[in-house]
Protein backbone atom coordinates (compact mmCIF):
# COMPACT_ATOMS: atom_id res chain seq x y z
CA MET A 1 -28.27 21.47 71.68
CA SER A 2 -25.37 19.33 72.89
CA PHE A 3 -22.51 18.29 70.61
CA LYS A 4 -23.71 14.66 70.65
CA SER A 5 -27.23 15.73 69.68
CA LYS A 6 -25.93 17.90 66.82
CA PHE A 7 -23.69 15.07 65.61
CA PHE A 8 -26.60 12.61 65.77
CA ALA A 9 -28.85 14.98 63.76
CA THR A 10 -26.12 15.53 61.16
CA ILE A 11 -25.73 11.77 60.64
CA CYS A 12 -29.50 11.45 60.07
CA ALA A 13 -29.55 14.28 57.50
CA ALA A 14 -26.47 13.03 55.66
CA SER A 15 -27.86 9.49 55.40
CA PHE A 16 -31.17 10.82 54.02
CA LEU A 17 -29.49 12.98 51.36
CA THR A 18 -27.15 10.14 50.40
CA GLY A 19 -30.18 7.95 49.78
CA ILE A 20 -31.75 10.61 47.54
CA ASN A 21 -28.61 11.03 45.43
CA ALA A 22 -28.14 7.28 45.03
CA GLN A 23 -31.72 6.78 43.92
CA GLU A 24 -31.55 9.69 41.44
CA LYS A 25 -28.68 7.96 39.66
CA ALA A 26 -30.38 4.57 39.78
CA ALA A 27 -33.56 6.03 38.26
CA GLU A 28 -31.91 7.25 35.02
CA PRO A 29 -33.51 5.41 32.08
CA ASP A 30 -31.53 3.01 29.90
CA PRO A 31 -31.97 4.13 26.22
CA ALA A 32 -31.19 0.63 24.97
CA ALA A 33 -34.23 -0.70 26.76
CA ALA A 34 -36.67 1.50 24.85
CA ASP A 35 -39.25 -0.12 22.54
CA ASP A 36 -38.38 0.64 18.86
CA ARG A 37 -42.07 0.88 18.02
CA LEU A 38 -42.25 4.02 20.13
CA ALA A 39 -39.23 5.70 18.61
CA VAL A 40 -41.33 8.37 16.89
CA GLU A 41 -42.73 9.46 20.22
CA GLU A 42 -40.86 11.47 22.78
CA ALA A 43 -39.74 9.34 25.68
CA PRO A 44 -41.45 10.25 28.95
CA LYS A 45 -39.37 12.59 31.08
CA PRO A 46 -38.07 10.84 34.18
CA MET A 47 -39.34 12.24 37.46
CA ASN A 48 -36.86 14.13 39.57
CA TRP A 49 -36.62 13.49 43.29
CA ALA A 50 -39.02 16.30 44.19
CA ASP A 51 -41.75 14.93 41.88
CA GLU A 52 -41.35 11.43 43.28
CA LEU A 53 -41.43 12.79 46.81
CA ASN A 54 -44.71 14.56 46.12
CA GLU A 55 -46.22 11.36 44.76
CA LYS A 56 -45.08 9.18 47.62
CA ILE A 57 -45.36 11.43 50.66
CA TRP A 58 -48.60 9.75 51.62
CA GLY A 59 -48.21 6.63 53.74
CA THR A 60 -49.96 4.66 56.45
CA PHE A 61 -51.22 5.51 59.93
CA ASP A 62 -51.37 3.32 63.02
CA GLY A 63 -52.39 3.91 66.57
CA GLN A 64 -53.27 2.60 70.00
CA ILE A 65 -55.76 3.44 72.73
CA ARG A 66 -55.04 1.63 75.98
CA LEU A 67 -57.30 2.09 79.00
CA GLY A 68 -55.78 0.78 82.20
CA TYR A 69 -56.65 0.46 85.88
CA GLU A 70 -54.03 -0.58 88.42
CA PHE A 71 -54.07 -1.17 92.17
CA VAL A 72 -51.02 -1.76 94.38
CA ASP A 73 -50.91 -2.61 98.09
CA ASP A 74 -47.26 -2.52 99.18
CA ASP A 75 -46.39 -2.81 102.86
CA LYS A 76 -43.36 -0.59 102.23
CA ALA A 77 -45.66 2.37 101.53
CA GLU A 78 -47.98 4.22 103.90
CA LYS A 79 -50.93 4.12 101.51
CA ASN A 80 -52.19 1.99 98.65
CA ALA A 81 -51.94 3.15 95.04
CA TYR A 82 -54.78 3.55 92.53
CA SER A 83 -54.42 4.51 88.87
CA LEU A 84 -56.88 4.90 86.02
CA GLY A 85 -55.52 6.31 82.80
CA VAL A 86 -55.38 6.08 79.04
CA ARG A 87 -52.43 5.77 76.70
CA LEU A 88 -52.85 7.30 73.24
CA ARG A 89 -50.37 6.68 70.45
CA LEU A 90 -50.56 7.75 66.82
CA GLY A 91 -47.98 6.77 64.24
CA TYR A 92 -47.38 7.66 60.59
CA LYS A 93 -45.09 5.83 58.15
CA THR A 94 -44.26 7.21 54.72
CA GLU A 95 -44.07 5.12 51.61
CA GLU A 96 -40.52 4.13 50.72
CA PHE A 97 -38.79 6.85 48.72
CA PHE A 98 -35.17 6.83 47.52
CA GLY A 99 -34.39 3.90 49.79
CA ASN A 100 -35.78 5.70 52.84
CA GLN A 101 -38.91 5.20 54.92
CA ILE A 102 -39.68 7.55 57.81
CA TYR A 103 -41.82 6.70 60.83
CA ILE A 104 -43.02 9.03 63.58
CA GLU A 105 -45.07 8.05 66.63
CA GLY A 106 -46.49 10.44 69.20
CA HIS A 107 -47.36 9.35 72.73
CA VAL A 108 -49.65 10.79 75.42
CA PHE A 109 -50.56 9.28 78.80
CA THR A 110 -53.37 10.92 80.78
CA ASP A 111 -54.41 9.76 84.24
CA PHE A 112 -57.96 10.27 85.49
CA LEU A 113 -57.18 8.77 88.89
CA ASP A 114 -53.69 9.61 90.13
CA ASP A 115 -53.56 8.35 93.71
CA TYR A 116 -50.13 6.76 93.29
CA ASN A 117 -46.40 7.44 93.52
CA ASP A 118 -45.36 7.95 89.90
CA LYS A 119 -41.61 8.10 90.78
CA ASP A 120 -41.65 11.70 89.55
CA GLY A 121 -42.56 13.46 92.81
CA GLN A 122 -46.30 12.70 92.91
CA ASN A 123 -47.72 11.18 96.16
CA PRO A 124 -44.42 9.92 97.64
CA ASN A 125 -46.28 8.31 100.58
CA ARG A 126 -48.25 5.95 98.31
CA ALA A 127 -47.17 2.71 96.63
CA VAL A 128 -45.37 3.02 93.31
CA ILE A 129 -47.05 2.81 89.90
CA ALA A 130 -44.34 4.12 87.57
CA ASP A 131 -46.61 5.88 85.06
CA PRO A 132 -46.16 9.67 85.26
CA GLU A 133 -48.59 11.68 83.17
CA GLY A 134 -47.08 13.30 80.09
CA SER A 135 -46.34 13.21 76.39
CA ARG A 136 -43.39 12.86 74.02
CA ILE A 137 -42.29 11.67 70.61
CA HIS A 138 -41.94 7.97 71.32
CA GLN A 139 -40.40 7.07 67.97
CA LEU A 140 -38.98 9.06 65.05
CA TYR A 141 -36.65 7.22 62.73
CA ASP A 142 -35.56 6.73 59.15
CA ASP A 143 -35.21 3.21 57.71
CA ILE A 144 -32.56 3.14 54.99
CA THR A 145 -32.68 0.08 52.73
CA LEU A 146 -30.16 0.92 49.99
CA ILE A 147 -28.03 -2.14 50.80
CA PRO A 148 -29.71 -5.47 49.88
CA ASP A 149 -31.13 -7.44 52.83
CA THR A 150 -30.06 -4.65 55.18
CA THR A 151 -31.99 -2.05 57.16
CA ILE A 152 -30.18 0.87 58.78
CA ARG A 153 -32.47 2.59 61.26
CA ILE A 154 -31.45 6.03 62.51
CA GLY A 155 -33.33 7.95 65.19
CA ARG A 156 -35.57 7.35 68.18
CA GLN A 157 -36.80 3.74 68.14
CA GLU A 158 -37.96 0.83 70.23
CA ILE A 159 -35.30 -1.88 70.54
CA ILE A 160 -36.03 -5.45 71.61
CA VAL A 161 -33.10 -7.88 71.53
CA ASN A 162 -33.81 -11.60 71.97
CA ASP A 163 -36.01 -12.02 75.06
CA SER A 164 -35.57 -8.33 76.12
CA ARG A 165 -33.43 -9.35 79.11
CA PHE A 166 -30.99 -6.48 78.39
CA LEU A 167 -32.76 -4.16 75.95
CA GLY A 168 -36.55 -3.88 75.70
CA ASN A 169 -39.45 -1.50 75.15
CA VAL A 170 -41.00 -2.05 78.64
CA ASP A 171 -44.44 -1.97 77.04
CA TRP A 172 -46.14 -3.09 80.24
CA ARG A 173 -45.69 0.40 81.66
CA GLN A 174 -47.90 3.04 80.11
CA ASN A 175 -45.07 5.27 78.84
CA GLY A 176 -42.82 2.49 77.59
CA GLN A 177 -39.16 2.89 76.67
CA SER A 178 -37.36 3.87 73.48
CA PHE A 179 -33.82 4.74 72.44
CA ASP A 180 -32.03 7.40 70.41
CA ALA A 181 -29.90 5.03 68.41
CA ILE A 182 -28.48 3.74 65.15
CA THR A 183 -29.20 0.06 64.45
CA ILE A 184 -28.27 -2.19 61.54
CA LYS A 185 -30.04 -5.45 60.70
CA ASN A 186 -28.79 -7.77 57.97
CA THR A 187 -30.40 -11.02 56.74
CA SER A 188 -28.32 -11.69 53.61
CA ILE A 189 -27.32 -15.18 54.80
CA GLU A 190 -30.17 -17.65 55.03
CA ASN A 191 -31.43 -18.28 58.60
CA LEU A 192 -28.81 -15.88 60.00
CA THR A 193 -29.65 -12.43 61.36
CA PHE A 194 -27.04 -9.85 62.32
CA PHE A 195 -28.28 -7.02 64.54
CA PHE A 196 -25.90 -4.30 65.74
CA GLY A 197 -26.45 -0.90 67.27
CA TYR A 198 -25.21 2.20 69.05
CA ILE A 199 -27.38 3.88 71.71
CA ASP A 200 -26.85 7.53 72.57
CA GLU A 201 -29.80 8.18 74.90
CA VAL A 202 -32.58 6.24 76.64
CA GLU A 203 -36.15 7.57 76.89
CA THR A 204 -37.30 5.87 80.09
CA ILE A 205 -40.70 4.84 81.47
CA THR A 206 -40.71 7.89 83.78
CA LEU A 207 -40.33 10.24 80.78
CA ASP A 208 -36.71 10.97 81.73
CA ASN A 209 -33.82 11.10 79.27
CA VAL A 210 -30.74 9.10 80.28
CA GLU A 211 -27.67 9.99 78.27
CA THR A 212 -24.85 7.51 77.77
CA ASP A 213 -21.26 7.89 76.66
CA GLY A 214 -22.07 5.12 74.18
CA LEU A 215 -23.78 1.75 74.48
CA PHE A 216 -22.77 -0.62 71.68
CA PHE A 217 -24.53 -3.94 71.23
CA GLY A 218 -24.35 -6.85 68.83
CA ASN A 219 -26.53 -9.92 68.39
CA ILE A 220 -26.10 -12.78 65.92
CA HIS A 221 -29.09 -15.12 65.71
CA TYR A 222 -29.08 -18.42 63.80
CA LYS A 223 -32.23 -20.43 63.12
CA ILE A 224 -31.03 -24.02 62.98
CA ASN A 225 -34.49 -25.30 61.99
CA GLU A 226 -38.11 -24.83 63.03
CA ASP A 227 -37.39 -26.30 66.48
CA HIS A 228 -34.02 -24.83 67.45
CA ASN A 229 -32.35 -21.40 67.58
CA VAL A 230 -29.06 -20.13 68.93
CA ALA A 231 -27.74 -16.60 69.47
CA VAL A 232 -24.57 -14.92 70.72
CA TYR A 233 -24.57 -11.34 71.99
CA SER A 234 -22.56 -8.56 73.58
CA TYR A 235 -23.34 -5.22 75.25
CA LEU A 236 -20.59 -2.64 75.81
CA ASN A 237 -22.01 0.00 78.15
CA ASP A 238 -20.01 3.19 78.62
CA SER A 239 -22.29 4.95 81.09
CA GLU A 240 -22.04 8.58 82.19
CA ASN A 241 -21.67 7.06 85.66
CA ASP A 242 -18.26 5.36 85.43
CA ALA A 243 -19.18 2.99 88.27
CA LYS A 244 -21.75 1.38 85.95
CA ASP A 245 -19.48 0.79 82.94
CA THR A 246 -19.77 -2.89 81.97
CA ALA A 247 -19.07 -5.31 79.14
CA THR A 248 -21.49 -8.24 78.81
CA TYR A 249 -21.08 -11.34 76.64
CA GLY A 250 -23.47 -14.24 76.34
CA VAL A 251 -25.07 -17.11 74.47
CA ARG A 252 -28.68 -18.27 74.24
CA ALA A 253 -30.35 -21.42 72.87
CA ASN A 254 -34.11 -21.73 72.61
CA SER A 255 -36.81 -23.79 70.94
CA GLY A 256 -39.05 -22.67 68.09
CA LYS A 257 -42.53 -21.33 68.82
CA LYS A 258 -44.25 -24.47 67.51
CA SER A 259 -41.81 -27.00 68.97
CA LYS A 260 -43.42 -29.71 71.11
CA PHE A 261 -40.64 -29.46 73.68
CA HIS A 262 -40.01 -25.95 74.99
CA TYR A 263 -36.63 -24.79 76.24
CA ASP A 264 -34.86 -21.45 76.72
CA VAL A 265 -31.35 -21.44 78.19
CA SER A 266 -28.87 -18.55 78.37
CA TYR A 267 -25.64 -17.62 80.12
CA SER A 268 -24.23 -14.09 80.40
CA TYR A 269 -20.84 -13.01 81.71
CA GLN A 270 -20.19 -9.39 82.76
CA THR A 271 -16.91 -7.65 83.45
CA ASP A 272 -15.39 -4.19 83.87
CA TYR A 273 -15.25 -1.86 80.87
CA ALA A 274 -14.32 1.66 79.75
CA ASP A 275 -13.76 4.03 82.69
CA TYR A 276 -14.47 1.64 85.57
CA ASP A 277 -11.26 1.79 87.61
CA ASP A 278 -11.23 -1.72 89.09
CA THR A 279 -11.73 -5.33 88.05
CA SER A 280 -15.16 -6.90 88.36
CA GLU A 281 -16.83 -10.14 87.31
CA SER A 282 -20.44 -11.28 87.57
CA ASP A 283 -22.82 -13.55 85.71
CA MET A 284 -26.42 -14.55 85.05
CA PHE A 285 -27.91 -17.93 84.17
CA MET A 286 -31.45 -18.61 82.96
CA ALA A 287 -33.09 -21.94 82.11
CA GLU A 288 -36.70 -22.76 81.34
CA VAL A 289 -38.18 -26.02 80.05
CA GLY A 290 -41.71 -27.16 79.33
CA GLY A 291 -44.10 -29.19 77.27
CA LYS A 292 -47.76 -29.71 76.52
CA VAL A 293 -50.04 -32.11 78.34
CA LYS A 294 -53.24 -32.14 76.30
CA GLU A 295 -54.25 -28.46 76.15
CA VAL A 296 -52.05 -27.26 79.02
CA LYS A 297 -48.49 -26.02 78.61
CA LEU A 298 -46.45 -26.78 81.74
CA LEU A 299 -43.29 -24.79 82.50
CA GLY A 300 -40.50 -24.82 85.04
CA GLY A 301 -37.47 -22.59 85.36
CA TYR A 302 -34.47 -21.33 87.30
CA HIS A 303 -33.00 -17.83 87.09
CA ARG A 304 -29.78 -16.84 88.87
CA ILE A 305 -28.38 -13.29 88.99
CA SER A 306 -25.17 -12.81 90.94
CA GLY A 307 -24.95 -10.10 93.60
CA GLN A 308 -22.03 -8.11 94.91
CA ASP A 309 -19.11 -10.21 96.11
CA GLY A 310 -16.20 -8.12 97.35
CA LYS A 311 -14.96 -6.06 94.39
CA ASP A 312 -17.23 -7.96 92.02
CA ARG A 313 -20.30 -5.81 91.36
CA ALA A 314 -23.86 -7.10 91.21
CA PHE A 315 -24.91 -8.13 87.71
CA ASP A 316 -26.54 -5.35 85.67
CA THR A 317 -29.43 -6.17 83.29
CA LEU A 318 -29.08 -2.69 81.71
CA TYR A 319 -32.35 -1.46 80.13
CA SER A 320 -34.36 -4.66 80.12
CA THR A 321 -38.11 -5.20 80.26
CA GLY A 322 -37.80 -6.13 83.93
CA HIS A 323 -41.51 -6.79 84.47
CA LYS A 324 -41.29 -9.82 82.21
CA PHE A 325 -38.89 -11.58 84.61
CA ASN A 326 -38.89 -12.63 88.30
CA GLY A 327 -42.54 -12.12 89.07
CA TRP A 328 -45.16 -9.54 88.13
CA ALA A 329 -45.13 -7.87 91.55
CA ASP A 330 -41.93 -6.13 90.36
CA GLN A 331 -39.94 -6.73 93.53
CA PHE A 332 -36.60 -7.11 91.73
CA LEU A 333 -36.51 -4.38 89.08
CA SER A 334 -33.27 -3.07 90.59
CA THR A 335 -31.38 -5.68 88.55
CA ASN A 336 -31.56 -2.91 85.93
CA GLY A 337 -28.64 -0.76 87.01
CA GLY A 338 -26.98 -3.53 89.02
CA GLY A 339 -28.70 -2.57 92.26
CA LEU A 340 -29.58 -6.02 93.63
CA THR A 341 -26.49 -6.41 95.81
CA ASN A 342 -27.66 -9.64 97.46
CA GLY A 343 -28.28 -11.31 94.11
CA LEU A 344 -31.26 -13.45 93.20
CA GLU A 345 -32.24 -17.06 92.70
CA ASP A 346 -35.73 -17.51 91.24
CA TYR A 347 -37.25 -21.01 91.16
CA TYR A 348 -40.61 -21.11 89.38
CA ILE A 349 -43.26 -23.32 87.83
CA GLY A 350 -46.25 -22.39 85.68
CA ALA A 351 -49.11 -23.48 83.47
CA VAL A 352 -50.69 -21.83 80.43
CA THR A 353 -53.88 -22.86 78.64
CA LYS A 354 -57.00 -21.60 76.87
CA VAL A 355 -60.54 -21.99 78.14
CA ALA A 356 -63.36 -21.01 75.77
CA GLY A 357 -61.02 -18.69 73.88
CA VAL A 358 -59.68 -17.09 77.07
CA LYS A 359 -55.95 -17.40 77.83
CA VAL A 360 -55.21 -18.36 81.42
CA ALA A 361 -51.72 -18.45 82.93
CA ILE A 362 -50.59 -19.13 86.50
CA PHE A 363 -47.06 -19.06 87.94
CA GLY A 364 -45.50 -19.67 91.32
CA HIS A 365 -42.07 -18.30 92.35
CA SER A 366 -39.71 -18.79 95.24
CA PHE A 367 -36.98 -16.13 95.59
CA HIS A 368 -33.66 -16.44 97.42
CA THR A 369 -30.35 -14.59 97.67
CA THR A 370 -27.02 -15.59 96.10
CA ASP A 371 -24.74 -13.34 98.18
CA ASN A 372 -24.71 -12.06 101.75
CA ASN A 373 -24.29 -8.28 101.90
CA THR A 374 -27.28 -6.79 103.71
CA PHE A 375 -29.36 -9.97 103.82
CA ASP A 376 -28.90 -13.69 103.20
CA GLY A 377 -31.84 -16.04 102.87
CA HIS A 378 -35.40 -16.29 101.54
CA TYR A 379 -36.80 -13.10 99.97
CA GLY A 380 -40.28 -14.57 99.69
CA ASP A 381 -42.75 -16.37 97.43
CA GLU A 382 -45.11 -15.11 94.75
CA LEU A 383 -48.28 -16.15 92.94
CA ASP A 384 -49.03 -14.66 89.50
CA LEU A 385 -52.25 -14.99 87.51
CA LEU A 386 -53.16 -13.76 84.02
CA ILE A 387 -56.52 -13.86 82.21
CA ALA A 388 -56.49 -12.46 78.66
CA LYS A 389 -59.01 -12.37 75.83
CA LYS A 390 -58.63 -11.32 72.19
CA PHE A 391 -62.04 -9.96 71.22
CA THR A 392 -61.10 -8.89 67.66
CA ASP A 393 -57.90 -8.43 65.68
CA GLU A 394 -57.73 -4.91 67.12
CA LEU A 395 -59.18 -5.26 70.63
CA THR A 396 -57.74 -7.26 73.54
CA GLY A 397 -58.35 -7.23 77.27
CA LEU A 398 -56.54 -8.65 80.28
CA ILE A 399 -56.59 -9.02 84.03
CA LYS A 400 -53.23 -9.51 85.75
CA PHE A 401 -52.77 -10.29 89.44
CA ALA A 402 -49.65 -10.76 91.57
CA TYR A 403 -49.28 -11.51 95.27
CA PHE A 404 -45.84 -11.50 96.92
CA LYS A 405 -45.45 -12.87 100.46
CA GLN A 406 -42.33 -11.93 102.43
CA GLY A 407 -40.06 -14.82 103.36
CA ASP A 408 -37.60 -14.34 106.23
CA SER A 409 -38.69 -11.64 108.68
CA ASP A 410 -35.50 -9.61 108.06
CA ALA A 411 -35.84 -9.74 104.27
CA PRO A 412 -35.66 -6.32 102.51
CA THR A 413 -38.85 -7.22 100.62
CA GLU A 414 -42.35 -6.91 102.11
CA ASP A 415 -45.83 -8.18 101.26
CA LYS A 416 -47.21 -6.73 98.04
CA THR A 417 -50.38 -7.16 95.97
CA MET A 418 -50.87 -5.88 92.41
CA LEU A 419 -54.03 -5.97 90.28
CA ALA A 420 -54.22 -4.55 86.74
CA VAL A 421 -57.13 -4.46 84.28
CA ARG A 422 -56.57 -3.27 80.72
CA LEU A 423 -58.43 -2.83 77.47
CA ASP A 424 -56.17 -2.32 74.45
CA TYR A 425 -57.29 -1.19 70.99
CA LYS A 426 -54.74 -1.06 68.14
CA PHE A 427 -55.31 0.03 64.59
């Protein structure tokens, strides 16, 4: 076990024992509070921590069964990709005891049809579907709530900050993403949420473990009213690869979920940090607006991610849920890691509605470069379609389709079609 792993485990154990000791002292009875009418009877003996643990070790279970089929036709690959598999997750959460509540979640993904490149050595000549078969502990953490209005979470956990543009659980992929981390959330001031954390290791969608030299993040979110929110954030990424060390600072303003006018605007500035041995500046801007016309929500947006410009590195979106942004064909996932050297401008429009209880969404994108390194021009255009139905509180189904058409003939992107069908049962 590495020194960092031992240190991380020691912190978890110390925090748990501290919670037990604090609760033992808090549980001591106050003699002055006893009822005089019961003075002739012996006062009940207070439970010690072991007795209380035995009474409260039971808790609650949750789980998920997700059956998914996916097809990808990518002109970059020799052969098409086909996947049929099932994700199984089972979680258990204890009752709260001594200011602690422990959660563990196991994960297994099994593929019945594995004619695809899983990015882990399987079928390298086929198109990519990044869902390698395997299992792991997806989450294992302790929630410590000894401080009022504060939760300290220690251990392996999913982390979603704001719109998941920098940190997300990548739930679209079958294996998802989680983090070995310490996070602190405080809501002691009305309408204000403080969320801070330290990430030691990332459990990626390909079942790999990516160690860091320390990724610190902070997010302060203020709910102005039901229609308006604002947040400021920072991410200080000390990567094991010094060339990827970055500091990111930003601000976001967005509408409430029930607001008649929809907007979501953010700006992020990124610079050199830690062991990176040169100066670098880059930025990202996102803006989306929309509103309802009868039963149809109309949307329009612009997303700009700067590429490499001389010594200025391409903008890095860290460990985001990349599938959520810039089209569902996943042509631009390399923004995670700062690999999109030519940058990106994404102009898009969309519409979302419900027909007979079925959610229908359609989006159109046009993608262009921001910088000229290996290519300068029109990456291509994309059409995205989603049909989703909630059958019960536990069971949902969806069909998702994406078609990307190459733009300029010398563009590094090529034609790509993706079709996914899923049935998801949660309990």
